[in-house]
Protein backbone atom coordinates (compact mmCIF):
# COMPACT_ATOMS: atom_id res chain seq x y z
CA UNK A 1 0.00 0.00 0.00
CA UNK A 2 1.22 3.52 -0.79
CA UNK A 3 2.59 5.33 2.30
CA UNK A 4 0.19 8.27 1.91
CA UNK A 5 -2.81 5.98 1.56
CA UNK A 6 -1.70 3.96 4.59
CA UNK A 7 -1.30 7.08 6.71
CA UNK A 8 -4.65 8.51 5.59
CA UNK A 9 -6.33 5.19 6.36
CA UNK A 10 -4.75 4.98 9.80
CA UNK A 11 -5.63 8.58 10.65
CA UNK A 12 -9.15 8.15 9.24
CA UNK A 13 -9.68 5.10 11.43
CA UNK A 14 -8.56 7.03 14.51
CA UNK A 15 -10.85 9.90 13.60
CA UNK A 16 -13.78 7.53 13.16
CA UNK A 17 -13.18 6.14 16.66
CA UNK A 18 -13.07 9.69 18.05
CA UNK A 19 -16.31 10.50 16.23
CA UNK A 20 -17.86 7.46 17.88
CA UNK A 21 -16.64 8.63 21.28
CA UNK A 22 -18.20 12.06 20.74
CA UNK A 23 -21.50 10.49 19.65
CA UNK A 24 -21.35 8.37 22.80
CA UNK A 25 -20.90 11.49 24.91
CA UNK A 26 -23.90 13.08 23.22
CA UNK A 27 -25.95 9.95 23.95
CA UNK A 28 -24.82 9.99 27.59
CA UNK A 29 -25.98 13.60 27.94
CA UNK A 30 -29.32 12.80 26.27
CA UNK A 31 -29.77 9.90 28.69
CA UNK A 32 -28.92 12.07 31.73
CA UNK A 33 -26.05 9.84 32.75
CA UNK A 34 -23.87 10.65 35.72
CA UNK A 35 -21.84 13.82 35.15
CA UNK A 36 -18.54 12.32 36.28
CA UNK A 37 -18.95 9.47 33.79
CA UNK A 38 -19.56 11.99 31.00
CA UNK A 39 -16.50 13.99 32.07
CA UNK A 40 -14.44 10.80 32.00
CA UNK A 41 -15.53 10.18 28.41
CA UNK A 42 -14.76 13.78 27.46
CA UNK A 43 -11.28 13.32 28.89
CA UNK A 44 -10.84 10.15 26.83
CA UNK A 45 -11.97 11.92 23.64
CA UNK A 46 -9.64 14.81 24.36
CA UNK A 47 -6.73 12.41 24.80
CA UNK A 48 -7.65 10.68 21.55
CA UNK A 49 -7.64 14.02 19.70
CA UNK A 50 -4.26 14.87 21.21
CA UNK A 51 -2.94 11.51 20.06
CA UNK A 52 -4.21 12.21 16.55
CA UNK A 53 -2.54 15.62 16.60
CA UNK A 54 0.75 14.05 17.69
CA UNK A 55 0.52 11.46 14.93
CA UNK A 56 -0.01 14.22 12.36
CA UNK A 57 2.90 16.20 13.80
CA UNK A 58 5.11 13.11 13.68
CA UNK A 59 4.22 12.58 10.03
CA UNK A 60 4.93 16.23 9.26
CA UNK A 61 8.34 16.04 10.91
CA UNK A 62 9.32 12.71 9.35
CA UNK A 63 8.19 13.50 5.84
CA UNK A 64 7.48 17.16 5.11
CA UNK A 65 10.41 18.53 7.12
CA UNK A 66 12.81 15.82 5.95
CA UNK A 67 11.78 16.39 2.32
CA UNK A 68 12.35 20.12 2.70
CA UNK A 69 15.76 19.50 4.27
CA UNK A 70 16.75 17.43 1.27
CA UNK A 71 15.51 19.84 -1.37
CA UNK A 72 15.11 23.46 -0.24
CA UNK A 73 16.74 25.10 2.81
CA UNK A 74 14.31 28.04 2.67
CA UNK A 75 11.35 25.66 2.65
CA UNK A 76 12.96 23.80 5.55
CA UNK A 77 12.88 26.97 7.63
CA UNK A 78 9.19 27.42 6.77
CA UNK A 79 8.36 23.81 7.68
CA UNK A 80 10.24 24.06 10.98
CA UNK A 81 8.45 27.30 11.85
CA UNK A 82 5.11 25.64 11.08
CA UNK A 83 6.00 22.68 13.29
CA UNK A 84 7.09 24.96 16.12
CA UNK A 85 3.84 26.93 15.90
CA UNK A 86 1.81 23.70 15.89
CA UNK A 87 3.68 22.39 18.94
CA UNK A 88 3.07 25.70 20.71
CA UNK A 89 -0.67 25.45 19.99
CA UNK A 90 -0.77 21.84 21.23
CA UNK A 91 1.05 22.68 24.44
CA UNK A 92 -1.28 25.59 25.17
CA UNK A 93 -4.47 23.61 24.59
């Protein structure tokens, strides 16, 4: 399987699981389930989203940044700045 297709499939699968978690939270709220249980599920969904973000960042570093390093030093600086900004946003959230 092509690397890009494999990565998209893996990320899509993770996103589908997260979507299911969010639907489950909505159902829990509709069913007036215990607040602490809902908060626990929100925490799990948040962690899953953070994991997805880290996987995307890892892919960016391993492929986009490496490709830029091999081909265009100016593009490398841009890619590194983008990665730094993304890491900053992740840390702050």
